[in-house]
Each structure stands twice: as structure tokens, then as C-alpha cells.
């Protein structure tokens, strides 16, 4: 089992990570009903926002089901392929790898000659980012163990936006 650094256990951070897991699980459940629907979420220590054209009843039902399923051990629901963590890993790792061979080049000519190597490094970084994003979600940006987390209220904010408040 992975032992989380203390920073990840700080109250506001842990609450955000748990809400992030619940957000992902809720999106997974909604995706089963709303196929091909564009959806997104954003978590914070007091809950999360869901963006998408859903009925409030469906959001309430999906969030309640997500909470129950995560608490019963379905931790895989906390990992979502559309998570920003995956996008960040897929952008930063290749960019960093591509930059590495170019950073020491003193002339434009050397930079041009190193482009094929930089592209090869970027491709390597891209392939490494594929397992890295879900790993970061599992161990850093989400917490599938929801502890005593509860859904307090689901609020319709306006068309396409719901707020799920937790404690």
C-alpha cells in the first residue's frame, strides 16, 4: 500500500482529493446514462461542480450511487480518463523531455540538428505519460477512501451547472 506524504493528508487537501474521487465516480455513472454527452467537473474542499446537461434528479442519483460504490470498495471509479491530471501529464512530460536535449545548444544550427532527438525524447515522454496520469490520480490527486464524507445537498446553479456540497 502506498503511504501518502503528510501534505496529502492535510484537511483541505484530503477533502479536495476525496471530492475529486466522488466527482470522477459521479461522472462515470452519468456517462452510462448520458452517452456522448460532454461533461466535466471541478472539485474543492466543500464539494464539486458538475458541468453538463443533466437533470438535477439524475445528478442526485448518480452522486449518491457514486458515494455508495466508492465506500463499498470500487476504488477504480475514482480514476477518470478525462481528468486534467492526465492532460497535464500528457503535456508536461513530453515537453520536458523535448526540452532536455535542446537546453544546452548554444546556436540555432545545433538546435536544428537536435530536433529529431528532441522529437524522439518527446515521443518517449508521451508514452511514459499514459500510465503516469492514472498513477498520479490514484496516489496524489484523488482519494477513493471517502472516510465519513457525506453529500449534504445537490444544487442546480444554472443551465448545465450543478453544485454538489459535501461534508
N, C-alpha and C. Protein backbone atom coordinates (compact mmCIF):
# COMPACT_ATOMS: atom_id res chain seq x y z
N UNK A 1 0.84 -1.19 0.00
CA UNK A 1 0.00 0.00 0.00
C UNK A 1 0.88 1.24 0.00
N UNK A 2 0.45 2.24 -0.73
CA UNK A 2 1.18 3.50 -0.84
C UNK A 2 0.94 4.33 0.41
N UNK A 3 2.01 4.83 1.02
CA UNK A 3 1.92 5.67 2.20
C UNK A 3 1.96 7.13 1.76
N UNK A 4 0.82 7.84 1.88
CA UNK A 4 0.73 9.22 1.41
C UNK A 4 1.60 10.16 2.23
N UNK A 5 2.27 11.10 1.55
CA UNK A 5 3.00 12.15 2.28
C UNK A 5 2.02 12.96 3.14
N UNK A 6 2.51 13.53 4.20
CA UNK A 6 1.66 14.29 5.12
C UNK A 6 0.90 15.42 4.43
N UNK A 7 1.49 16.05 3.45
CA UNK A 7 0.81 17.13 2.74
C UNK A 7 -0.54 16.68 2.19
N UNK A 8 -0.59 15.45 1.66
CA UNK A 8 -1.82 14.93 1.07
C UNK A 8 -2.88 14.60 2.11
N UNK A 9 -2.47 14.56 3.37
CA UNK A 9 -3.40 14.25 4.46
C UNK A 9 -3.90 15.50 5.18
N UNK A 10 -3.40 16.68 4.81
CA UNK A 10 -3.88 17.92 5.43
C UNK A 10 -5.37 18.08 5.13
N UNK A 11 -6.15 18.58 6.09
CA UNK A 11 -7.61 18.60 5.94
C UNK A 11 -8.13 19.15 4.61
N UNK A 12 -7.77 20.34 4.21
CA UNK A 12 -8.31 20.90 2.97
C UNK A 12 -7.88 20.10 1.74
N UNK A 13 -6.66 19.60 1.76
CA UNK A 13 -6.15 18.81 0.64
C UNK A 13 -6.87 17.47 0.58
N UNK A 14 -7.00 16.79 1.71
CA UNK A 14 -7.67 15.49 1.75
C UNK A 14 -9.13 15.62 1.34
N UNK A 15 -9.80 16.65 1.82
CA UNK A 15 -11.20 16.85 1.43
C UNK A 15 -11.34 17.08 -0.07
N UNK A 16 -10.43 17.84 -0.65
CA UNK A 16 -10.46 18.08 -2.09
C UNK A 16 -10.21 16.77 -2.85
N UNK A 17 -9.25 15.98 -2.39
CA UNK A 17 -8.94 14.71 -3.05
C UNK A 17 -10.13 13.75 -2.98
N UNK A 18 -10.81 13.71 -1.84
CA UNK A 18 -12.00 12.84 -1.70
C UNK A 18 -13.13 13.33 -2.60
N UNK A 19 -13.34 14.64 -2.65
CA UNK A 19 -14.38 15.17 -3.54
C UNK A 19 -14.02 14.94 -5.00
N UNK A 20 -12.74 14.98 -5.31
CA UNK A 20 -12.29 14.71 -6.68
C UNK A 20 -12.62 13.27 -7.05
N UNK A 21 -12.41 12.34 -6.13
CA UNK A 21 -12.76 10.93 -6.38
C UNK A 21 -14.27 10.78 -6.57
N UNK A 22 -15.05 11.44 -5.73
CA UNK A 22 -16.51 11.37 -5.85
C UNK A 22 -16.98 12.02 -7.15
N UNK A 23 -16.35 13.11 -7.53
CA UNK A 23 -16.66 13.75 -8.82
C UNK A 23 -16.44 12.77 -9.97
N UNK A 24 -15.28 12.12 -9.99
CA UNK A 24 -14.97 11.16 -11.06
C UNK A 24 -15.98 10.02 -11.08
N UNK A 25 -16.28 9.47 -9.91
CA UNK A 25 -17.23 8.35 -9.84
C UNK A 25 -18.60 8.80 -10.34
N UNK A 26 -19.01 10.00 -9.98
CA UNK A 26 -20.30 10.53 -10.43
C UNK A 26 -20.31 10.69 -11.95
N UNK A 27 -19.21 11.19 -12.51
CA UNK A 27 -19.11 11.33 -13.97
C UNK A 27 -19.17 9.97 -14.66
N UNK A 28 -18.50 8.96 -14.09
CA UNK A 28 -18.57 7.61 -14.67
C UNK A 28 -20.03 7.14 -14.73
N UNK A 29 -20.76 7.34 -13.65
CA UNK A 29 -22.14 6.87 -13.59
C UNK A 29 -23.02 7.66 -14.56
N UNK A 30 -22.85 8.97 -14.59
CA UNK A 30 -23.63 9.78 -15.54
C UNK A 30 -23.31 9.42 -16.99
N UNK A 31 -22.06 9.07 -17.27
CA UNK A 31 -21.66 8.70 -18.63
C UNK A 31 -22.39 7.44 -19.10
N UNK A 32 -22.75 6.58 -18.15
CA UNK A 32 -23.51 5.39 -18.51
C UNK A 32 -24.91 5.72 -19.01
N UNK A 33 -25.49 6.80 -18.51
CA UNK A 33 -26.84 7.20 -18.91
C UNK A 33 -26.81 8.22 -20.05
N UNK A 34 -25.87 9.14 -19.99
CA UNK A 34 -25.77 10.23 -20.97
C UNK A 34 -24.60 9.95 -21.91
N UNK A 35 -24.79 8.98 -22.77
CA UNK A 35 -23.72 8.63 -23.71
C UNK A 35 -23.48 9.77 -24.69
N UNK A 36 -22.21 9.98 -25.03
CA UNK A 36 -21.79 11.04 -25.96
C UNK A 36 -22.11 12.44 -25.46
N UNK A 37 -22.35 12.58 -24.18
CA UNK A 37 -22.63 13.89 -23.58
C UNK A 37 -21.31 14.52 -23.13
N UNK A 38 -21.12 15.77 -23.44
CA UNK A 38 -19.95 16.50 -22.94
C UNK A 38 -20.18 16.80 -21.47
N UNK A 39 -19.19 16.48 -20.64
CA UNK A 39 -19.31 16.70 -19.21
C UNK A 39 -17.95 16.98 -18.61
N UNK A 40 -17.97 17.67 -17.49
CA UNK A 40 -16.73 17.99 -16.78
C UNK A 40 -17.07 18.24 -15.33
N UNK A 41 -16.03 18.37 -14.52
CA UNK A 41 -16.23 18.65 -13.11
C UNK A 41 -15.07 19.45 -12.57
N UNK A 42 -15.29 20.00 -11.39
CA UNK A 42 -14.23 20.73 -10.68
C UNK A 42 -14.47 20.56 -9.18
N UNK A 43 -13.46 20.07 -8.49
CA UNK A 43 -13.58 19.77 -7.06
C UNK A 43 -12.87 20.79 -6.19
N UNK A 44 -13.35 20.91 -4.97
CA UNK A 44 -12.73 21.74 -3.95
C UNK A 44 -13.04 21.12 -2.59
N UNK A 45 -12.59 21.70 -1.50
CA UNK A 45 -12.78 21.06 -0.19
C UNK A 45 -14.24 20.91 0.26
N UNK A 46 -15.15 21.69 -0.32
CA UNK A 46 -16.55 21.64 0.12
C UNK A 46 -17.47 20.92 -0.85
N UNK A 47 -16.91 20.30 -1.88
CA UNK A 47 -17.73 19.56 -2.83
C UNK A 47 -17.16 19.66 -4.23
N UNK A 48 -18.08 19.69 -5.20
CA UNK A 48 -17.63 19.80 -6.59
C UNK A 48 -18.76 20.34 -7.46
N UNK A 49 -18.36 20.88 -8.60
CA UNK A 49 -19.29 21.33 -9.63
C UNK A 49 -19.31 20.27 -10.73
N UNK A 50 -20.48 20.05 -11.29
CA UNK A 50 -20.62 19.21 -12.47
C UNK A 50 -21.14 20.09 -13.60
N UNK A 51 -20.47 19.99 -14.73
CA UNK A 51 -20.85 20.74 -15.92
C UNK A 51 -21.38 19.76 -16.95
N UNK A 52 -22.57 19.99 -17.40
CA UNK A 52 -23.18 19.11 -18.39
C UNK A 52 -24.69 19.23 -18.31
N UNK A 53 -25.36 18.85 -19.36
CA UNK A 53 -26.81 18.98 -19.43
C UNK A 53 -27.47 17.77 -18.78
N UNK A 54 -27.59 17.81 -17.45
CA UNK A 54 -28.18 16.72 -16.67
C UNK A 54 -29.37 17.24 -15.89
N UNK A 55 -30.31 16.35 -15.62
CA UNK A 55 -31.38 16.72 -14.71
C UNK A 55 -30.83 16.68 -13.28
N UNK A 56 -31.40 17.50 -12.42
CA UNK A 56 -30.95 17.53 -11.03
C UNK A 56 -31.17 16.17 -10.37
N UNK A 57 -32.27 15.53 -10.68
CA UNK A 57 -32.54 14.21 -10.10
C UNK A 57 -31.49 13.19 -10.52
N UNK A 58 -31.07 13.24 -11.78
CA UNK A 58 -30.02 12.32 -12.24
C UNK A 58 -28.69 12.61 -11.55
N UNK A 59 -28.39 13.88 -11.33
CA UNK A 59 -27.15 14.23 -10.62
C UNK A 59 -27.21 13.72 -9.18
N UNK A 60 -28.34 13.94 -8.50
CA UNK A 60 -28.50 13.44 -7.13
C UNK A 60 -28.34 11.93 -7.08
N UNK A 61 -29.00 11.25 -7.98
CA UNK A 61 -28.95 9.79 -8.01
C UNK A 61 -27.53 9.28 -8.31
N UNK A 62 -26.87 9.89 -9.30
CA UNK A 62 -25.52 9.46 -9.67
C UNK A 62 -24.53 9.72 -8.55
N UNK A 63 -24.63 10.88 -7.90
CA UNK A 63 -23.71 11.21 -6.79
C UNK A 63 -23.93 10.24 -5.62
N UNK A 64 -25.18 9.95 -5.31
CA UNK A 64 -25.47 9.01 -4.21
C UNK A 64 -24.94 7.61 -4.54
N UNK A 65 -25.15 7.18 -5.78
CA UNK A 65 -24.65 5.87 -6.20
C UNK A 65 -23.13 5.85 -6.18
N UNK A 66 -22.50 6.93 -6.64
CA UNK A 66 -21.03 7.02 -6.63
C UNK A 66 -20.49 6.93 -5.21
N UNK A 67 -21.12 7.63 -4.29
CA UNK A 67 -20.71 7.59 -2.89
C UNK A 67 -20.80 6.17 -2.34
N UNK A 68 -21.92 5.51 -2.59
CA UNK A 68 -22.13 4.14 -2.11
C UNK A 68 -21.11 3.19 -2.71
N UNK A 69 -20.89 3.30 -4.00
CA UNK A 69 -19.97 2.37 -4.67
C UNK A 69 -18.52 2.59 -4.25
N UNK A 70 -18.11 3.85 -4.08
CA UNK A 70 -16.75 4.11 -3.60
C UNK A 70 -16.58 3.58 -2.18
N UNK A 71 -17.57 3.81 -1.33
CA UNK A 71 -17.48 3.34 0.06
C UNK A 71 -17.53 1.82 0.15
N UNK A 72 -18.07 1.17 -0.86
CA UNK A 72 -18.09 -0.30 -0.86
C UNK A 72 -16.85 -0.90 -1.51
N UNK A 73 -15.88 -0.04 -1.88
CA UNK A 73 -14.59 -0.55 -2.35
C UNK A 73 -14.33 -0.45 -3.83
N UNK A 74 -15.21 0.16 -4.62
CA UNK A 74 -14.97 0.28 -6.06
C UNK A 74 -14.06 1.47 -6.34
N UNK A 75 -12.82 1.37 -5.88
CA UNK A 75 -11.87 2.49 -5.98
C UNK A 75 -11.52 2.88 -7.41
N UNK A 76 -11.70 1.98 -8.36
CA UNK A 76 -11.42 2.29 -9.76
C UNK A 76 -12.29 3.41 -10.30
N UNK A 77 -13.44 3.64 -9.68
CA UNK A 77 -14.31 4.74 -10.12
C UNK A 77 -13.68 6.10 -9.87
N UNK A 78 -12.68 6.17 -9.01
CA UNK A 78 -12.01 7.44 -8.70
C UNK A 78 -11.05 7.87 -9.81
N UNK A 79 -10.75 6.98 -10.73
CA UNK A 79 -9.83 7.28 -11.83
C UNK A 79 -10.67 7.54 -13.08
N UNK A 80 -10.40 8.68 -13.73
CA UNK A 80 -11.19 9.04 -14.91
C UNK A 80 -10.26 9.42 -16.07
N UNK A 81 -10.51 8.88 -17.26
CA UNK A 81 -9.61 9.16 -18.40
C UNK A 81 -9.61 10.63 -18.83
N UNK A 82 -10.68 11.36 -18.56
CA UNK A 82 -10.74 12.76 -18.97
C UNK A 82 -10.22 13.73 -17.92
N UNK A 83 -9.62 13.22 -16.86
CA UNK A 83 -9.13 14.06 -15.77
C UNK A 83 -8.02 15.00 -16.24
N UNK A 84 -8.02 16.19 -15.69
CA UNK A 84 -6.98 17.16 -16.00
C UNK A 84 -5.59 16.66 -15.63
N UNK A 85 -5.51 15.78 -14.65
CA UNK A 85 -4.22 15.19 -14.27
C UNK A 85 -3.60 14.46 -15.45
N UNK A 86 -4.42 13.71 -16.19
CA UNK A 86 -3.92 13.01 -17.38
C UNK A 86 -3.47 14.00 -18.45
N UNK A 87 -4.24 15.08 -18.62
CA UNK A 87 -3.91 16.08 -19.63
C UNK A 87 -2.60 16.79 -19.29
N UNK A 88 -2.43 17.10 -18.02
CA UNK A 88 -1.19 17.77 -17.59
C UNK A 88 0.01 16.85 -17.80
N UNK A 89 -0.13 15.58 -17.41
CA UNK A 89 0.97 14.63 -17.61
C UNK A 89 1.30 14.48 -19.09
N UNK A 90 0.26 14.43 -19.94
CA UNK A 90 0.46 14.25 -21.39
C UNK A 90 1.06 15.48 -22.04
N UNK A 91 0.98 16.63 -21.40
CA UNK A 91 1.57 17.85 -21.96
C UNK A 91 2.96 18.12 -21.38
N UNK A 92 3.08 18.03 -20.06
CA UNK A 92 4.34 18.43 -19.42
C UNK A 92 5.47 17.43 -19.61
N UNK A 93 5.18 16.15 -19.53
CA UNK A 93 6.26 15.17 -19.66
C UNK A 93 6.91 15.21 -21.05
N UNK A 94 6.14 15.16 -22.13
CA UNK A 94 6.78 15.26 -23.45
C UNK A 94 7.50 16.59 -23.66
N UNK A 95 6.91 17.68 -23.17
CA UNK A 95 7.55 18.99 -23.35
C UNK A 95 8.88 19.04 -22.60
N UNK A 96 8.90 18.51 -21.40
CA UNK A 96 10.13 18.49 -20.61
C UNK A 96 11.19 17.61 -21.27
N UNK A 97 10.76 16.44 -21.74
CA UNK A 97 11.70 15.53 -22.41
C UNK A 97 12.24 16.15 -23.69
N UNK A 98 11.39 16.87 -24.45
CA UNK A 98 11.85 17.50 -25.70
C UNK A 98 12.81 18.64 -25.41
N UNK A 99 12.58 19.35 -24.34
CA UNK A 99 13.42 20.49 -23.97
C UNK A 99 14.82 20.04 -23.54
N UNK A 100 14.91 18.87 -22.92
CA UNK A 100 16.19 18.41 -22.34
C UNK A 100 17.36 18.43 -23.33
N UNK A 101 17.25 17.84 -24.52
CA UNK A 101 18.42 17.87 -25.42
C UNK A 101 18.68 19.25 -26.03
N UNK A 102 17.66 20.11 -26.04
CA UNK A 102 17.81 21.43 -26.68
C UNK A 102 18.37 22.49 -25.72
N UNK A 103 18.26 22.26 -24.45
CA UNK A 103 18.59 23.31 -23.49
C UNK A 103 20.05 23.73 -23.51
N UNK A 104 20.94 22.82 -23.84
CA UNK A 104 22.36 23.15 -23.84
C UNK A 104 22.89 23.67 -25.17
N UNK A 105 22.05 23.61 -26.21
CA UNK A 105 22.50 24.04 -27.54
C UNK A 105 22.74 25.55 -27.56
N UNK A 106 23.92 25.94 -27.99
CA UNK A 106 24.30 27.36 -27.98
C UNK A 106 23.96 28.09 -29.27
N UNK A 107 23.68 27.34 -30.33
CA UNK A 107 23.42 28.02 -31.60
C UNK A 107 22.14 27.47 -32.23
N UNK A 108 21.60 28.24 -33.13
CA UNK A 108 20.40 27.82 -33.86
C UNK A 108 20.69 26.57 -34.68
N UNK A 109 21.90 26.51 -35.24
CA UNK A 109 22.27 25.35 -36.06
C UNK A 109 22.22 24.08 -35.22
N UNK A 110 22.79 24.11 -34.02
CA UNK A 110 22.77 22.93 -33.15
C UNK A 110 21.33 22.57 -32.76
N UNK A 111 20.53 23.59 -32.48
CA UNK A 111 19.13 23.33 -32.13
C UNK A 111 18.41 22.62 -33.28
N UNK A 112 18.64 23.09 -34.49
CA UNK A 112 18.01 22.45 -35.65
C UNK A 112 18.47 21.01 -35.82
N UNK A 113 19.76 20.78 -35.59
CA UNK A 113 20.29 19.41 -35.71
C UNK A 113 19.74 18.49 -34.62
N UNK A 114 19.40 19.06 -33.48
CA UNK A 114 18.91 18.26 -32.35
C UNK A 114 17.39 18.03 -32.37
N UNK A 115 16.69 18.65 -33.32
CA UNK A 115 15.23 18.49 -33.37
C UNK A 115 14.80 17.02 -33.46
N UNK A 116 15.40 16.20 -34.32
CA UNK A 116 14.97 14.79 -34.35
C UNK A 116 15.14 14.09 -32.99
N UNK A 117 16.23 14.40 -32.29
CA UNK A 117 16.44 13.82 -30.97
C UNK A 117 15.39 14.34 -29.99
N UNK A 118 15.11 15.64 -30.05
CA UNK A 118 14.09 16.23 -29.17
C UNK A 118 12.72 15.61 -29.43
N UNK A 119 12.38 15.38 -30.69
CA UNK A 119 11.11 14.74 -31.03
C UNK A 119 11.05 13.30 -30.52
N UNK A 120 12.15 12.60 -30.61
CA UNK A 120 12.22 11.24 -30.09
C UNK A 120 12.02 11.24 -28.58
N UNK A 121 12.68 12.17 -27.89
CA UNK A 121 12.51 12.30 -26.44
C UNK A 121 11.06 12.64 -26.10
N UNK A 122 10.46 13.55 -26.88
CA UNK A 122 9.07 13.95 -26.63
C UNK A 122 8.13 12.75 -26.79
N UNK A 123 8.37 11.96 -27.80
CA UNK A 123 7.54 10.76 -28.02
C UNK A 123 7.69 9.79 -26.86
N UNK A 124 8.91 9.61 -26.39
CA UNK A 124 9.16 8.76 -25.22
C UNK A 124 8.41 9.31 -24.00
N UNK A 125 8.48 10.62 -23.81
CA UNK A 125 7.76 11.26 -22.70
C UNK A 125 6.26 11.08 -22.81
N UNK A 126 5.75 11.15 -24.03
CA UNK A 126 4.31 10.97 -24.25
C UNK A 126 3.89 9.56 -23.84
N UNK A 127 4.65 8.55 -24.26
CA UNK A 127 4.29 7.18 -23.91
C UNK A 127 4.42 6.93 -22.40
N UNK A 128 5.39 7.56 -21.77
CA UNK A 128 5.51 7.45 -20.31
C UNK A 128 4.34 8.13 -19.60
N UNK A 129 3.80 9.19 -20.20
CA UNK A 129 2.72 9.93 -19.55
C UNK A 129 1.42 9.12 -19.47
N UNK A 130 1.23 8.15 -20.33
CA UNK A 130 -0.01 7.38 -20.35
C UNK A 130 -0.25 6.64 -19.03
N UNK A 131 0.70 5.91 -18.49
CA UNK A 131 0.46 5.30 -17.17
C UNK A 131 0.66 6.29 -16.03
N UNK A 132 1.41 7.37 -16.27
CA UNK A 132 1.68 8.33 -15.19
C UNK A 132 0.42 9.07 -14.75
N UNK A 133 -0.42 9.50 -15.70
CA UNK A 133 -1.64 10.24 -15.36
C UNK A 133 -2.53 9.45 -14.41
N UNK A 134 -2.92 8.22 -14.76
CA UNK A 134 -3.74 7.44 -13.83
C UNK A 134 -3.04 7.15 -12.50
N UNK A 135 -1.72 6.95 -12.53
CA UNK A 135 -0.98 6.73 -11.27
C UNK A 135 -1.08 7.98 -10.39
N UNK A 136 -0.89 9.15 -10.98
CA UNK A 136 -1.00 10.39 -10.22
C UNK A 136 -2.41 10.56 -9.64
N UNK A 137 -3.42 10.20 -10.43
CA UNK A 137 -4.79 10.26 -9.91
C UNK A 137 -4.95 9.33 -8.71
N UNK A 138 -4.50 8.11 -8.86
CA UNK A 138 -4.69 7.10 -7.81
C UNK A 138 -4.00 7.48 -6.50
N UNK A 139 -2.78 8.01 -6.61
CA UNK A 139 -1.99 8.23 -5.40
C UNK A 139 -1.85 9.68 -4.95
N UNK A 140 -2.19 10.63 -5.83
CA UNK A 140 -1.95 12.04 -5.48
C UNK A 140 -3.23 12.87 -5.54
N UNK A 141 -3.92 12.91 -6.69
CA UNK A 141 -4.99 13.89 -6.87
C UNK A 141 -6.37 13.41 -6.44
N UNK A 142 -6.55 12.11 -6.20
CA UNK A 142 -7.84 11.63 -5.67
C UNK A 142 -7.58 10.75 -4.46
N UNK A 143 -8.62 10.56 -3.65
CA UNK A 143 -8.58 9.64 -2.50
C UNK A 143 -9.89 8.87 -2.51
N UNK A 144 -9.82 7.60 -2.93
CA UNK A 144 -11.02 6.77 -3.04
C UNK A 144 -11.59 6.36 -1.68
N UNK A 145 -10.78 6.40 -0.64
CA UNK A 145 -11.27 6.12 0.71
C UNK A 145 -11.95 7.40 1.20
N UNK A 146 -13.26 7.45 1.12
CA UNK A 146 -14.00 8.66 1.42
C UNK A 146 -14.20 8.93 2.90
N UNK A 147 -13.77 8.00 3.74
CA UNK A 147 -13.94 8.21 5.18
C UNK A 147 -15.40 8.44 5.51
N UNK A 148 -15.69 9.51 6.25
CA UNK A 148 -17.07 9.79 6.65
C UNK A 148 -17.72 10.87 5.76
N UNK A 149 -17.20 11.05 4.55
CA UNK A 149 -17.73 12.04 3.62
C UNK A 149 -19.22 11.78 3.37
N UNK A 150 -20.00 12.84 3.35
CA UNK A 150 -21.43 12.77 3.08
C UNK A 150 -21.82 13.83 2.05
N UNK A 151 -22.83 13.53 1.28
CA UNK A 151 -23.41 14.53 0.37
C UNK A 151 -24.45 15.30 1.17
N UNK A 152 -24.28 16.61 1.25
CA UNK A 152 -25.20 17.46 2.00
C UNK A 152 -26.36 17.91 1.11
N UNK A 153 -26.02 18.34 -0.11
CA UNK A 153 -27.03 18.91 -0.99
C UNK A 153 -26.53 18.92 -2.42
N UNK A 154 -27.46 18.78 -3.36
CA UNK A 154 -27.18 18.96 -4.78
C UNK A 154 -27.98 20.17 -5.23
N UNK A 155 -27.29 21.17 -5.74
CA UNK A 155 -27.92 22.44 -6.09
C UNK A 155 -27.82 22.67 -7.60
N UNK A 156 -28.94 22.99 -8.21
CA UNK A 156 -28.96 23.43 -9.60
C UNK A 156 -28.51 24.89 -9.59
N UNK A 157 -27.38 25.19 -10.24
CA UNK A 157 -26.85 26.56 -10.26
C UNK A 157 -27.48 27.33 -11.41
N UNK A 158 -27.32 26.81 -12.61
CA UNK A 158 -28.00 27.31 -13.80
C UNK A 158 -27.83 26.26 -14.88
N UNK A 159 -28.38 26.50 -16.03
CA UNK A 159 -28.37 25.51 -17.10
C UNK A 159 -26.96 24.95 -17.32
N UNK A 160 -26.83 23.64 -17.16
CA UNK A 160 -25.56 22.98 -17.39
C UNK A 160 -24.60 22.97 -16.21
N UNK A 161 -25.04 23.48 -15.05
CA UNK A 161 -24.14 23.52 -13.88
C UNK A 161 -24.89 23.07 -12.63
N UNK A 162 -24.32 22.09 -11.96
CA UNK A 162 -24.81 21.65 -10.65
C UNK A 162 -23.67 21.74 -9.65
N UNK A 163 -24.01 22.02 -8.41
CA UNK A 163 -23.05 22.07 -7.32
C UNK A 163 -23.41 20.97 -6.33
N UNK A 164 -22.47 20.10 -6.06
CA UNK A 164 -22.66 19.04 -5.08
C UNK A 164 -21.89 19.45 -3.84
N UNK A 165 -22.59 19.65 -2.74
CA UNK A 165 -21.98 20.10 -1.49
C UNK A 165 -21.81 18.90 -0.57
N UNK A 166 -20.60 18.75 -0.03
CA UNK A 166 -20.29 17.62 0.84
C UNK A 166 -19.78 18.12 2.20
N UNK A 167 -19.76 17.19 3.13
CA UNK A 167 -19.12 17.48 4.43
C UNK A 167 -18.47 16.20 4.93
